[in-house]
Protein backbone atom coordinates (compact mmCIF):
# COMPACT_ATOMS: atom_id res chain seq x y z
CA MET A 1 25.54 -102.57 -93.20
CA ALA A 2 24.01 -101.30 -96.08
CA ALA A 3 21.31 -102.50 -98.26
CA PHE A 4 21.52 -102.30 -101.64
CA SER A 5 18.51 -102.00 -104.90
CA VAL A 6 18.19 -101.56 -107.83
CA LEU A 7 15.95 -98.64 -110.39
CA ASP A 8 14.95 -99.14 -113.77
CA LEU A 9 13.92 -96.94 -116.67
CA SER A 10 12.63 -99.27 -118.27
CA PRO A 11 14.84 -97.72 -121.41
CA ILE A 12 13.46 -97.60 -124.88
CA PRO A 13 17.17 -98.14 -126.91
CA GLU A 14 17.27 -96.80 -130.55
CA GLY A 15 15.76 -99.13 -132.69
CA GLY A 16 13.22 -100.53 -130.22
CA ASP A 17 10.52 -99.72 -128.87
CA ALA A 18 8.74 -100.04 -125.56
CA ALA A 19 7.56 -103.70 -125.95
CA VAL A 20 11.23 -104.66 -125.63
CA ALA A 21 11.93 -101.69 -122.78
CA LEU A 22 9.03 -103.57 -120.57
CA ARG A 23 10.17 -107.19 -121.21
CA ASN A 24 13.78 -106.03 -120.52
CA SER A 25 12.81 -104.51 -117.04
CA ALA A 26 11.21 -108.30 -116.56
CA ASP A 27 13.96 -109.83 -117.20
CA LEU A 28 16.94 -107.31 -115.39
CA ALA A 29 13.79 -107.39 -112.03
CA ARG A 30 14.67 -111.85 -112.47
CA HIS A 31 18.40 -111.03 -112.59
CA ALA A 32 18.14 -108.22 -109.86
CA GLU A 33 16.44 -111.37 -107.94
CA GLN A 34 18.59 -113.93 -107.75
CA CYS A 35 21.53 -111.29 -107.27
CA GLY A 36 20.27 -110.26 -103.66
CA TYR A 37 19.43 -106.93 -104.90
CA ARG A 38 16.81 -105.91 -102.20
CA ARG A 39 14.25 -104.23 -104.70
CA PHE A 40 13.29 -103.18 -107.99
CA TRP A 41 11.91 -99.88 -108.64
CA LEU A 42 9.99 -98.06 -111.90
CA ALA A 43 9.78 -94.39 -112.31
CA GLU A 44 7.31 -92.39 -113.46
CA HIS A 45 7.84 -90.34 -116.97
CA HIS A 46 5.56 -88.43 -119.45
CA ASN A 47 6.04 -88.12 -123.21
CA MET A 48 9.68 -89.30 -123.01
CA PRO A 49 10.26 -91.72 -126.42
CA GLY A 50 13.23 -93.01 -124.07
CA ILE A 51 11.47 -94.39 -121.39
CA ALA A 52 8.66 -96.52 -121.36
CA SER A 53 8.01 -96.54 -117.77
CA ALA A 54 4.49 -94.04 -117.79
CA ALA A 55 2.18 -95.82 -116.69
CA THR A 56 4.61 -97.64 -113.36
CA ALA A 57 1.45 -99.34 -111.50
CA VAL A 58 1.04 -101.34 -114.13
CA VAL A 59 4.48 -101.85 -115.11
CA ILE A 60 4.90 -102.39 -111.36
CA GLY A 61 2.63 -105.66 -111.61
CA HIS A 62 4.28 -106.23 -115.00
CA VAL A 63 7.72 -107.22 -112.96
CA ALA A 64 6.46 -108.30 -109.48
CA ALA A 65 4.22 -110.98 -111.97
CA ALA A 66 7.87 -112.39 -113.39
CA THR A 67 9.35 -112.39 -109.96
CA SER A 68 8.81 -114.14 -106.89
CA THR A 69 10.08 -112.35 -104.08
CA ILE A 70 12.33 -108.54 -105.01
CA ARG A 71 10.47 -105.90 -103.20
CA VAL A 72 8.78 -104.13 -106.32
CA GLY A 73 8.11 -100.04 -106.34
CA ALA A 74 7.55 -97.02 -107.18
CA GLY A 75 10.96 -95.15 -107.32
CA GLY A 76 8.64 -93.00 -108.51
CA ILE A 77 5.18 -91.83 -108.98
CA MET A 78 5.12 -87.97 -108.93
CA LEU A 79 1.93 -87.52 -106.52
CA PRO A 80 0.39 -84.48 -108.05
CA ASN A 81 -0.56 -86.25 -111.58
CA HIS A 82 -2.87 -88.12 -109.42
CA ALA A 83 -5.66 -88.02 -107.30
CA PRO A 84 -4.51 -89.65 -104.09
CA LEU A 85 -7.25 -92.11 -103.73
CA VAL A 86 -6.50 -93.54 -107.15
CA ILE A 87 -2.53 -94.18 -106.57
CA ALA A 88 -4.31 -95.40 -102.85
CA GLU A 89 -6.65 -97.94 -105.14
CA GLN A 90 -4.21 -99.11 -107.72
CA PHE A 91 -1.37 -99.72 -104.56
CA GLY A 92 -4.04 -101.52 -102.53
CA THR A 93 -4.06 -103.89 -105.64
CA LEU A 94 -0.45 -104.43 -106.23
CA ALA A 95 0.23 -104.78 -102.48
CA THR A 96 -3.11 -107.37 -102.38
CA LEU A 97 -1.86 -109.33 -105.74
CA PHE A 98 1.36 -109.10 -104.64
CA PRO A 99 1.22 -108.97 -100.80
CA GLY A 100 4.73 -107.97 -98.58
CA ARG A 101 6.67 -106.82 -101.79
CA ILE A 102 5.00 -103.19 -102.96
CA ASP A 103 6.81 -99.81 -102.02
CA LEU A 104 5.26 -96.24 -102.90
CA GLY A 105 7.98 -93.98 -103.36
CA LEU A 106 6.62 -90.48 -104.18
CA GLY A 107 7.74 -87.27 -105.31
CA ARG A 108 6.35 -83.69 -105.89
CA ALA A 109 8.08 -82.77 -109.84
CA PRO A 110 5.43 -83.75 -112.73
CA GLY A 111 8.02 -86.48 -114.25
CA THR A 112 7.74 -84.35 -117.85
CA ASP A 113 7.53 -81.04 -119.29
CA GLN A 114 5.35 -77.76 -118.67
CA GLN A 115 2.65 -78.98 -121.42
CA THR A 116 2.73 -82.33 -120.81
CA SER A 117 2.10 -81.66 -117.31
CA GLN A 118 -1.62 -79.62 -118.11
CA ALA A 119 -1.95 -82.68 -120.83
CA LEU A 120 -2.02 -85.39 -117.52
CA ARG A 121 -3.77 -82.27 -114.42
CA ARG A 122 -5.63 -80.08 -116.99
CA THR A 123 -4.06 -77.66 -114.94
CA LEU A 124 -0.78 -75.77 -113.77
CA ASP A 125 -2.24 -74.55 -110.85
CA GLY A 126 -0.14 -74.89 -107.76
CA ASP A 127 0.05 -74.87 -103.87
CA VAL A 128 3.26 -75.42 -101.90
CA ASN A 129 1.19 -77.05 -99.43
CA ALA A 130 -0.74 -79.35 -101.43
CA PHE A 131 1.97 -82.37 -102.19
CA PRO A 132 2.62 -82.59 -98.24
CA ARG A 133 -1.39 -82.67 -97.86
CA ASP A 134 -1.70 -85.34 -100.97
CA VAL A 135 0.55 -87.20 -98.71
CA VAL A 136 -1.33 -87.13 -95.99
CA GLU A 137 -4.52 -88.43 -97.45
CA LEU A 138 -3.08 -90.89 -98.91
CA GLN A 139 -2.19 -92.33 -95.16
CA ARG A 140 -5.07 -92.37 -94.28
CA TYR A 141 -6.77 -94.21 -97.24
CA PHE A 142 -4.08 -96.93 -96.23
CA ALA A 143 -4.77 -97.18 -92.76
CA ALA A 144 -7.06 -99.03 -90.96
CA VAL A 145 -11.15 -97.57 -91.54
CA GLU A 146 -12.19 -95.30 -89.64
CA PRO A 147 -16.08 -95.06 -87.66
CA GLY A 148 -17.96 -93.35 -89.82
CA GLN A 149 -15.15 -92.84 -92.76
CA ARG A 150 -17.23 -92.03 -96.03
CA VAL A 151 -14.22 -92.46 -98.53
CA ARG A 152 -12.02 -95.66 -98.46
CA ALA A 153 -9.50 -97.46 -101.11
CA VAL A 154 -10.83 -100.63 -101.80
CA PRO A 155 -8.58 -102.25 -101.84
CA GLY A 156 -6.34 -100.44 -100.06
CA ALA A 157 -7.58 -99.61 -96.64
CA GLY A 158 -5.93 -101.52 -94.14
CA LEU A 159 -2.49 -102.59 -96.02
CA GLU A 160 -0.66 -99.58 -94.77
CA VAL A 161 1.55 -100.23 -98.20
CA PRO A 162 5.04 -98.51 -97.12
CA ILE A 163 5.23 -94.94 -98.38
CA TRP A 164 8.70 -93.87 -98.84
CA ILE A 165 9.17 -89.86 -99.49
CA LEU A 166 11.73 -89.04 -102.42
CA GLY A 167 13.51 -85.93 -102.86
CA SER A 168 16.41 -83.63 -104.53
CA SER A 169 16.16 -80.24 -102.27
CA LEU A 170 15.73 -80.25 -98.74
CA PHE A 171 11.98 -79.60 -98.92
CA GLY A 172 11.99 -83.77 -99.83
CA ALA A 173 14.01 -84.20 -96.70
CA GLN A 174 11.68 -81.54 -94.36
CA LEU A 175 8.70 -83.33 -95.80
CA ALA A 176 10.05 -87.06 -95.23
CA ALA A 177 11.64 -85.99 -91.18
CA ALA A 178 8.19 -84.38 -90.09
CA LEU A 179 5.98 -87.48 -91.22
CA GLY A 180 8.84 -90.08 -89.92
CA LEU A 181 8.88 -92.06 -93.08
CA PRO A 182 11.74 -92.84 -94.99
CA TYR A 183 13.58 -90.72 -97.86
CA ALA A 184 15.48 -91.60 -101.30
CA PHE A 185 17.93 -89.03 -102.67
CA ALA A 186 17.73 -88.83 -106.55
CA SER A 187 21.26 -87.92 -106.19
CA HIS A 188 21.87 -90.04 -109.98
CA PHE A 189 20.88 -86.84 -111.39
CA ALA A 190 21.20 -84.45 -108.99
CA PRO A 191 23.68 -84.86 -106.54
CA ALA A 192 24.04 -81.52 -105.41
CA ALA A 193 21.88 -81.21 -101.96
CA LEU A 194 22.57 -84.50 -101.06
CA MET A 195 24.17 -83.91 -97.89
CA PRO A 196 22.90 -81.10 -96.84
CA ALA A 197 19.40 -83.07 -97.39
CA LEU A 198 20.67 -86.07 -95.37
CA GLU A 199 22.17 -83.67 -92.88
CA THR A 200 18.35 -82.19 -92.47
CA TYR A 201 16.56 -85.76 -92.50
CA ARG A 202 18.60 -87.58 -89.56
CA SER A 203 18.46 -83.97 -87.50
CA GLN A 204 15.14 -83.58 -88.04
CA PHE A 205 12.99 -87.51 -88.11
CA THR A 206 10.10 -87.70 -86.04
CA PRO A 207 9.34 -91.16 -85.28
CA SER A 208 6.34 -92.80 -86.63
CA ALA A 209 3.87 -95.78 -86.75
CA GLN A 210 5.34 -97.01 -89.55
CA LEU A 211 9.08 -95.89 -89.06
CA ALA A 212 11.05 -95.98 -85.62
CA GLU A 213 14.44 -94.25 -86.78
CA PRO A 214 15.45 -92.13 -90.27
CA TYR A 215 16.29 -94.47 -93.00
CA ALA A 216 17.88 -93.01 -96.02
CA MET A 217 18.67 -93.97 -99.36
CA ALA A 218 20.81 -92.51 -102.34
CA GLY A 219 20.41 -93.08 -106.21
CA LEU A 220 24.07 -94.11 -107.88
CA ASN A 221 24.64 -94.72 -111.76
CA VAL A 222 27.22 -97.69 -111.23
CA PHE A 223 28.31 -99.17 -114.80
CA ALA A 224 30.35 -102.34 -114.33
CA ALA A 225 31.88 -104.41 -117.03
CA GLU A 226 35.04 -106.84 -116.83
CA THR A 227 37.19 -103.62 -118.14
CA ALA A 228 37.34 -99.91 -117.53
CA GLU A 229 37.67 -99.03 -121.16
CA GLU A 230 34.45 -101.59 -121.75
CA ALA A 231 32.84 -99.27 -119.08
CA ARG A 232 33.20 -96.11 -120.16
CA PHE A 233 31.51 -96.76 -123.65
CA LEU A 234 28.75 -98.23 -121.88
CA ARG A 235 28.31 -94.74 -120.55
CA THR A 236 28.05 -92.22 -123.22
CA SER A 237 24.77 -93.70 -123.97
CA VAL A 238 23.24 -92.45 -121.16
CA GLN A 239 25.80 -89.05 -122.13
CA GLN A 240 24.14 -88.68 -125.29
CA SER A 241 20.64 -88.87 -123.92
CA ILE A 242 21.32 -86.60 -121.25
CA LEU A 243 22.43 -84.05 -123.57
CA GLN A 244 19.44 -84.45 -126.11
CA LEU A 245 16.41 -84.11 -123.17
CA ARG A 246 19.00 -80.91 -122.05
CA ARG A 247 18.69 -79.40 -125.89
CA GLY A 248 14.96 -80.07 -125.42
CA ALA A 249 15.18 -83.40 -127.71
CA PRO A 250 14.24 -85.87 -125.79
CA CYS A 251 15.68 -89.58 -127.60
CA PRO A 252 15.20 -93.01 -126.98
CA LEU A 253 18.33 -94.66 -126.11
CA PRO A 254 21.43 -94.01 -128.21
CA PRO A 255 24.11 -97.00 -128.79
CA PRO A 256 27.33 -96.03 -127.31
CA VAL A 257 29.84 -94.54 -129.37
CA PRO A 258 33.78 -94.36 -128.56
CA ASP A 259 35.29 -91.76 -127.46
CA PHE A 260 32.12 -89.82 -127.19
CA GLU A 261 33.80 -87.08 -124.25
CA GLU A 262 36.47 -86.37 -126.92
CA GLY A 263 33.85 -84.06 -128.82
CA LEU A 264 32.38 -82.69 -126.01
CA SER A 265 32.57 -78.46 -125.17
CA ALA A 266 33.85 -77.69 -121.36
CA ALA A 267 30.24 -76.61 -120.78
CA GLU A 268 28.78 -79.90 -122.28
CA ARG A 269 31.31 -81.87 -120.08
CA GLN A 270 31.34 -79.81 -116.45
CA MET A 271 27.19 -80.48 -116.47
CA LEU A 272 27.76 -83.87 -117.71
CA ASP A 273 30.37 -84.09 -114.54
CA GLN A 274 28.07 -82.04 -111.92
CA MET A 275 24.79 -84.59 -112.97
CA GLN A 276 26.53 -87.73 -113.26
CA SER A 277 28.92 -86.65 -110.33
CA CYS A 278 27.12 -89.67 -108.22
CA SER A 279 28.98 -92.13 -110.33
CA VAL A 280 31.30 -95.83 -110.22
CA VAL A 281 32.41 -96.64 -113.37
CA GLY A 282 35.03 -98.80 -114.23
CA GLY A 283 36.09 -103.36 -113.64
CA PRO A 284 35.08 -105.41 -110.80
CA ASP A 285 38.06 -103.50 -108.60
CA THR A 286 37.41 -100.00 -109.21
CA ILE A 287 32.75 -101.13 -108.12
CA GLY A 288 33.40 -102.42 -105.54
CA ARG A 289 35.55 -99.62 -103.79
CA GLY A 290 33.70 -97.39 -105.62
CA VAL A 291 29.92 -98.27 -104.34
CA ALA A 292 32.10 -98.93 -101.02
CA ASP A 293 33.20 -95.11 -100.57
CA PHE A 294 30.10 -93.57 -101.60
CA VAL A 295 28.43 -95.60 -98.56
CA GLU A 296 30.73 -94.41 -96.30
CA GLN A 297 30.79 -91.11 -97.47
CA THR A 298 27.03 -90.32 -97.06
CA GLY A 299 26.02 -93.00 -94.57
CA VAL A 300 22.82 -93.74 -96.00
CA ASP A 301 20.88 -97.27 -95.18
CA GLU A 302 20.44 -98.06 -98.85
CA VAL A 303 22.00 -97.56 -102.03
CA MET A 304 19.30 -97.26 -105.13
CA ILE A 305 21.83 -98.52 -108.39
CA THR A 306 20.80 -97.45 -111.80
CA ALA A 307 22.60 -98.28 -115.48
CA HIS A 308 20.80 -97.01 -118.28
CA ILE A 309 22.72 -98.88 -120.54
CA PHE A 310 21.79 -99.29 -124.57
CA ASP A 311 22.63 -103.43 -124.39
CA HIS A 312 20.41 -105.40 -122.41
CA ASP A 313 22.84 -107.60 -122.13
CA ALA A 314 25.84 -105.75 -120.48
CA ARG A 315 23.02 -103.97 -118.36
CA VAL A 316 22.41 -107.13 -116.93
CA ARG A 317 26.21 -107.56 -116.48
CA SER A 318 26.53 -104.99 -115.37
CA LEU A 319 24.53 -105.20 -111.96
CA GLN A 320 25.62 -109.46 -112.08
CA ILE A 321 29.21 -107.34 -111.64
CA THR A 322 28.23 -104.85 -108.96
CA ALA A 323 26.67 -108.07 -106.71
CA GLU A 324 29.49 -109.06 -106.82
CA GLN A 325 31.72 -107.04 -105.39
CA LEU A 326 29.18 -106.16 -103.04
CA MET A 327 28.73 -109.69 -102.11
CA LEU A 328 25.08 -109.80 -102.25
CA ALA A 329 23.64 -113.03 -101.63
CA PRO A 330 22.01 -114.91 -104.51
CA ALA A 331 18.78 -116.14 -104.19
């Protein structure tokens, strides 16, 4: 039986601001907790006028303080933007404040454009081996302090914060398998390599102190409403946002528009269909069948549901409808 969780990008709606987005994230997390979802994750993005979760660890603290039982975490922290010790201290602090509730998903993408990446990192020099080394270093900071260890995370040492590897290619799958860590695939926006990545992860998995058997998660866009027509209408906000991002003009999340797809070119339609092929859109009956089919096709242990919807009440209702169809146990 698969578990179900929620990924929130803390969307800044057109006409709103980051304060609105962050209040909405906390409220959405409370509803996710009440509905019975297992986790609520936030993602690191920078220089994006439509996303308020750039300071991801801070937002995780905000959401964890607004909830009481749901696990809260990063999906993910873009580790090349940070020194491992800094992340160990941040998530060690979160795990100390909210024991047993914090997850740390790690990615190797910048989560932004090249110029902003340079502003974050002060350099664009890259090393293909840096990310695996940084993950291992981070693991050491969360382990018990060894004799003679001069640099330690305080807080952080000995807390064994659960680490996940995130990815959209075979690289992350191979690393997660080699380190014996849980793996989350970003199929909600980059679905092309989903099945090969899952096969690679499962076939190459090596047990570790954190995980005895492979544990795979996959992202799924779910737009649920009382009718299929309304669900398709709600989806047009993220479709507009994707097109604007591809044009190099990221924007706040726009309101939905009727008959949006009718004005698309063949190339635009193909791009959106490809990027969002891992999506379920419709009324209650469609949602239940669609999510069940996704689980059966992938065999994943957990599904990370995301719904980038303009109207907050509609986004809450989408999660509620989905939880009802999946028969999640309310808190």
